[in-house]
Amino acid sequence: MHEWALAEAVVSTVDRLYQENGRRKVLSVKVLIGELQHIELEVFSVGLQNLLSERPFDSDVFHFEIEKASFRCNACTREWLLEQHTGLGEEEREAIHFLPEAAHVYMRCPSCGSPDFTLERGRGVSIQSIDLEDNRQG
């Protein structure tokens, strides 16, 4: 399950930043999950909980945001979202999930029909922000 590997990468990154910043309390971690990553949030959350059992922060500091997949036509510059492309069946969506470059096989620009477009957003998992407790004395 790739959810566990992704959870491990997120926890490892947060733990490294926690260590590098004087072990300041982790208040909040915002994780951006691309729509094309197509992960099961429940499995990802369970992975986080298990990996955090020996860490000084717990799963309730993690907040998830799904980033919609968006494309930009290189011919006419039109931008559109994956959800606006109604001609895709479940098989096509699954193929695009495993290999986002496959979108060029199944999709065309809704304005000009060009197959020359770029995936702008909605791929991968990233940490958008980490908030740490401010330990400064004032």
C-alpha atoms as a PDB file:
ATOM      1  CA  MET A   1       0.000   0.000   0.000  1.00  0.00           C
ATOM      2  CA  HIS A   2       1.517   3.258  -1.060  1.00  0.00           C
ATOM      3  CA  GLU A   3      -0.455   5.131   1.635  1.00  0.00           C
ATOM      4  CA  TRP A   4       1.858   3.736   4.311  1.00  0.00           C
ATOM      5  CA  ALA A   5       4.985   4.699   2.391  1.00  0.00           C
ATOM      6  CA  LEU A   6       3.627   8.222   1.935  1.00  0.00           C
ATOM      7  CA  ALA A   7       2.698   8.434   5.628  1.00  0.00           C
ATOM      8  CA  GLU A   8       6.211   7.308   6.530  1.00  0.00           C
ATOM      9  CA  ALA A   9       7.743  10.024   4.324  1.00  0.00           C
ATOM     10  CA  VAL A  10       5.522  12.718   5.886  1.00  0.00           C
ATOM     11  CA  VAL A  11       6.282  11.595   9.455  1.00  0.00           C
ATOM     12  CA  SER A  12       9.994  11.375   8.695  1.00  0.00           C
ATOM     13  CA  THR A  13      10.019  14.922   7.298  1.00  0.00           C
ATOM     14  CA  VAL A  14       8.083  16.355  10.240  1.00  0.00           C
ATOM     15  CA  ASP A  15      10.337  14.517  12.690  1.00  0.00           C
ATOM     16  CA  ARG A  16      13.459  15.851  10.973  1.00  0.00           C
ATOM     17  CA  LEU A  17      12.153  19.431  11.136  1.00  0.00           C
ATOM     18  CA  TYR A  18      11.156  18.910  14.759  1.00  0.00           C
ATOM     19  CA  GLN A  19      14.720  17.810  15.565  1.00  0.00           C
ATOM     20  CA  GLU A  20      16.324  20.612  13.531  1.00  0.00           C
ATOM     21  CA  ASN A  21      14.206  23.270  15.271  1.00  0.00           C
ATOM     22  CA  GLY A  22      15.146  22.527  18.850  1.00  0.00           C
ATOM     23  CA  ARG A  23      12.379  20.016  19.489  1.00  0.00           C
ATOM     24  CA  ARG A  24       9.732  22.731  19.570  1.00  0.00           C
ATOM     25  CA  LYS A  25       6.214  21.371  19.947  1.00  0.00           C
ATOM     26  CA  VAL A  26       4.489  20.588  16.635  1.00  0.00           C
ATOM     27  CA  LEU A  27       1.179  22.469  16.633  1.00  0.00           C
ATOM     28  CA  SER A  28      -0.085  21.814  13.128  1.00  0.00           C
ATOM     29  CA  VAL A  29       0.958  20.080   9.919  1.00  0.00           C
ATOM     30  CA  LYS A  30      -0.939  20.823   6.704  1.00  0.00           C
ATOM     31  CA  VAL A  31      -0.560  18.041   4.146  1.00  0.00           C
ATOM     32  CA  LEU A  32      -1.544  18.699   0.533  1.00  0.00           C
ATOM     33  CA  ILE A  33      -2.710  15.563  -1.288  1.00  0.00           C
ATOM     34  CA  GLY A  34      -3.020  15.708  -5.042  1.00  0.00           C
ATOM     35  CA  GLU A  35      -6.262  14.402  -6.481  1.00  0.00           C
ATOM     36  CA  LEU A  36      -4.284  12.242  -8.912  1.00  0.00           C
ATOM     37  CA  GLN A  37      -2.449  10.598  -6.008  1.00  0.00           C
ATOM     38  CA  HIS A  38      -5.755   8.824  -5.369  1.00  0.00           C
ATOM     39  CA  ILE A  39      -4.955   7.718  -1.827  1.00  0.00           C
ATOM     40  CA  GLU A  40      -7.341   6.335   0.751  1.00  0.00           C
ATOM     41  CA  LEU A  41      -7.322   8.980   3.489  1.00  0.00           C
ATOM     42  CA  GLU A  42      -8.432   6.484   6.128  1.00  0.00           C
ATOM     43  CA  VAL A  43      -5.528   4.135   5.353  1.00  0.00           C
ATOM     44  CA  PHE A  44      -3.127   7.098   5.226  1.00  0.00           C
ATOM     45  CA  SER A  45      -4.407   8.298   8.633  1.00  0.00           C
ATOM     46  CA  VAL A  46      -4.046   4.837  10.175  1.00  0.00           C
ATOM     47  CA  GLY A  47      -0.493   4.712   8.828  1.00  0.00           C
ATOM     48  CA  LEU A  48       0.236   8.086  10.427  1.00  0.00           C
ATOM     49  CA  GLN A  49      -1.197   6.969  13.774  1.00  0.00           C
ATOM     50  CA  ASN A  50       0.912   3.816  13.813  1.00  0.00           C
ATOM     51  CA  LEU A  51       4.082   5.631  12.799  1.00  0.00           C
ATOM     52  CA  LEU A  52       3.531   8.350  15.385  1.00  0.00           C
ATOM     53  CA  SER A  53       3.271   5.974  18.347  1.00  0.00           C
ATOM     54  CA  GLU A  54       6.871   6.691  19.381  1.00  0.00           C
ATOM     55  CA  ARG A  55       6.997  10.346  18.314  1.00  0.00           C
ATOM     56  CA  PRO A  56       6.498  13.449  20.479  1.00  0.00           C
ATOM     57  CA  PHE A  57       3.551  14.577  18.333  1.00  0.00           C
ATOM     58  CA  ASP A  58       0.323  12.821  17.426  1.00  0.00           C
ATOM     59  CA  SER A  59      -2.042  12.474  14.504  1.00  0.00           C
ATOM     60  CA  ASP A  60      -4.466  15.215  15.582  1.00  0.00           C
ATOM     61  CA  VAL A  61      -1.929  17.871  14.484  1.00  0.00           C
ATOM     62  CA  PHE A  62      -2.190  16.640  10.880  1.00  0.00           C
ATOM     63  CA  HIS A  63      -4.701  18.322   8.562  1.00  0.00           C
ATOM     64  CA  PHE A  64      -5.321  17.230   4.985  1.00  0.00           C
ATOM     65  CA  GLU A  65      -6.311  19.224   1.940  1.00  0.00           C
ATOM     66  CA  ILE A  66      -7.092  17.659  -1.428  1.00  0.00           C
ATOM     67  CA  GLU A  67      -5.581  19.603  -4.309  1.00  0.00           C
ATOM     68  CA  LYS A  68      -7.750  19.350  -7.416  1.00  0.00           C
ATOM     69  CA  ALA A  69      -5.993  18.196 -10.571  1.00  0.00           C
ATOM     70  CA  SER A  70      -5.775  21.037 -13.065  1.00  0.00           C
ATOM     71  CA  PHE A  71      -4.390  21.277 -16.569  1.00  0.00           C
ATOM     72  CA  ARG A  72      -3.292  24.102 -18.878  1.00  0.00           C
ATOM     73  CA  CYS A  73      -3.391  23.892 -22.647  1.00  0.00           C
ATOM     74  CA  ASN A  74      -0.074  24.793 -24.253  1.00  0.00           C
ATOM     75  CA  ALA A  75      -1.833  25.814 -27.476  1.00  0.00           C
ATOM     76  CA  CYS A  76      -4.602  28.147 -26.269  1.00  0.00           C
ATOM     77  CA  THR A  77      -3.689  28.532 -22.538  1.00  0.00           C
ATOM     78  CA  ARG A  78      -7.133  27.342 -21.336  1.00  0.00           C
ATOM     79  CA  GLU A  79      -7.078  25.911 -17.820  1.00  0.00           C
ATOM     80  CA  TRP A  80      -9.482  23.228 -16.610  1.00  0.00           C
ATOM     81  CA  LEU A  81      -9.991  20.771 -13.763  1.00  0.00           C
ATOM     82  CA  LEU A  82     -10.048  16.994 -14.069  1.00  0.00           C
ATOM     83  CA  GLU A  83     -13.580  16.956 -12.664  1.00  0.00           C
ATOM     84  CA  GLN A  84     -14.722  19.130 -15.595  1.00  0.00           C
ATOM     85  CA  HIS A  85     -13.591  16.494 -18.085  1.00  0.00           C
ATOM     86  CA  THR A  86     -16.763  14.415 -18.246  1.00  0.00           C
ATOM     87  CA  GLY A  87     -15.662  11.918 -20.910  1.00  0.00           C
ATOM     88  CA  LEU A  88     -13.461   9.858 -18.591  1.00  0.00           C
ATOM     89  CA  GLY A  89     -14.597   6.497 -17.294  1.00  0.00           C
ATOM     90  CA  GLU A  90     -13.295   4.704 -14.212  1.00  0.00           C
ATOM     91  CA  GLU A  91     -10.661   2.784 -16.242  1.00  0.00           C
ATOM     92  CA  GLU A  92      -9.283   5.989 -17.760  1.00  0.00           C
ATOM     93  CA  ARG A  93      -9.177   7.736 -14.380  1.00  0.00           C
ATOM     94  CA  GLU A  94      -7.328   4.748 -12.893  1.00  0.00           C
ATOM     95  CA  ALA A  95      -4.787   4.814 -15.741  1.00  0.00           C
ATOM     96  CA  ILE A  96      -4.214   8.547 -15.185  1.00  0.00           C
ATOM     97  CA  HIS A  97      -3.795   7.911 -11.456  1.00  0.00           C
ATOM     98  CA  PHE A  98      -1.002   5.375 -12.034  1.00  0.00           C
ATOM     99  CA  LEU A  99       0.616   7.338 -14.838  1.00  0.00           C
ATOM    100  CA  PRO A 100      -0.532  10.975 -15.005  1.00  0.00           C
ATOM    101  CA  GLU A 101       1.169  11.360 -18.378  1.00  0.00           C
ATOM    102  CA  ALA A 102      -1.486   8.956 -19.701  1.00  0.00           C
ATOM    103  CA  ALA A 103      -3.927  11.874 -19.501  1.00  0.00           C
ATOM    104  CA  HIS A 104      -2.674  12.855 -22.967  1.00  0.00           C
ATOM    105  CA  VAL A 105      -4.094   9.613 -24.349  1.00  0.00           C
ATOM    106  CA  TYR A 106      -7.550  10.146 -22.892  1.00  0.00           C
ATOM    107  CA  MET A 107      -7.998  13.910 -22.764  1.00  0.00           C
ATOM    108  CA  ARG A 108      -7.968  16.926 -25.058  1.00  0.00           C
ATOM    109  CA  CYS A 109      -8.253  20.626 -24.304  1.00  0.00           C
ATOM    110  CA  PRO A 110     -11.964  21.384 -23.926  1.00  0.00           C
ATOM    111  CA  SER A 111     -11.542  24.638 -25.906  1.00  0.00           C
ATOM    112  CA  CYS A 112      -9.306  23.856 -28.867  1.00  0.00           C
ATOM    113  CA  GLY A 113      -9.039  20.047 -28.796  1.00  0.00           C
ATOM    114  CA  SER A 114      -5.243  20.020 -28.497  1.00  0.00           C
ATOM    115  CA  PRO A 115      -3.570  17.038 -26.794  1.00  0.00           C
ATOM    116  CA  ASP A 116      -0.675  19.365 -25.844  1.00  0.00           C
ATOM    117  CA  PHE A 117      -1.347  20.335 -22.240  1.00  0.00           C
ATOM    118  CA  THR A 118       0.466  20.424 -18.909  1.00  0.00           C
ATOM    119  CA  LEU A 119      -0.576  19.026 -15.558  1.00  0.00           C
ATOM    120  CA  GLU A 120      -0.387  22.142 -13.373  1.00  0.00           C
ATOM    121  CA  ARG A 121      -1.559  20.879  -9.951  1.00  0.00           C
ATOM    122  CA  GLY A 122      -2.970  17.854  -8.218  1.00  0.00           C
ATOM    123  CA  ARG A 123      -0.146  15.375  -8.265  1.00  0.00           C
ATOM    124  CA  GLY A 124       1.775  14.001  -5.302  1.00  0.00           C
ATOM    125  CA  VAL A 125       1.745  14.555  -1.565  1.00  0.00           C
ATOM    126  CA  SER A 126       3.512  17.492   0.057  1.00  0.00           C
ATOM    127  CA  ILE A 127       3.742  19.233   3.362  1.00  0.00           C
ATOM    128  CA  GLN A 128       2.319  22.684   2.776  1.00  0.00           C
ATOM    129  CA  SER A 129       3.074  24.036   6.259  1.00  0.00           C
ATOM    130  CA  ILE A 130       4.318  23.053   9.695  1.00  0.00           C
ATOM    131  CA  ASP A 131       3.552  25.260  12.678  1.00  0.00           C
ATOM    132  CA  LEU A 132       5.848  24.940  15.667  1.00  0.00           C
ATOM    133  CA  GLU A 133       5.448  26.403  19.134  1.00  0.00           C
ATOM    134  CA  ASP A 134       7.289  29.678  19.584  1.00  0.00           C
ATOM    135  CA  ASN A 135       9.760  29.162  22.428  1.00  0.00           C
ATOM    136  CA  ARG A 136      11.040  32.736  22.549  1.00  0.00           C
ATOM    137  CA  GLN A 137      10.908  34.417  25.909  1.00  0.00           C
ATOM    138  CA  GLY A 138       9.344  37.859  25.771  1.00  0.00           C
END
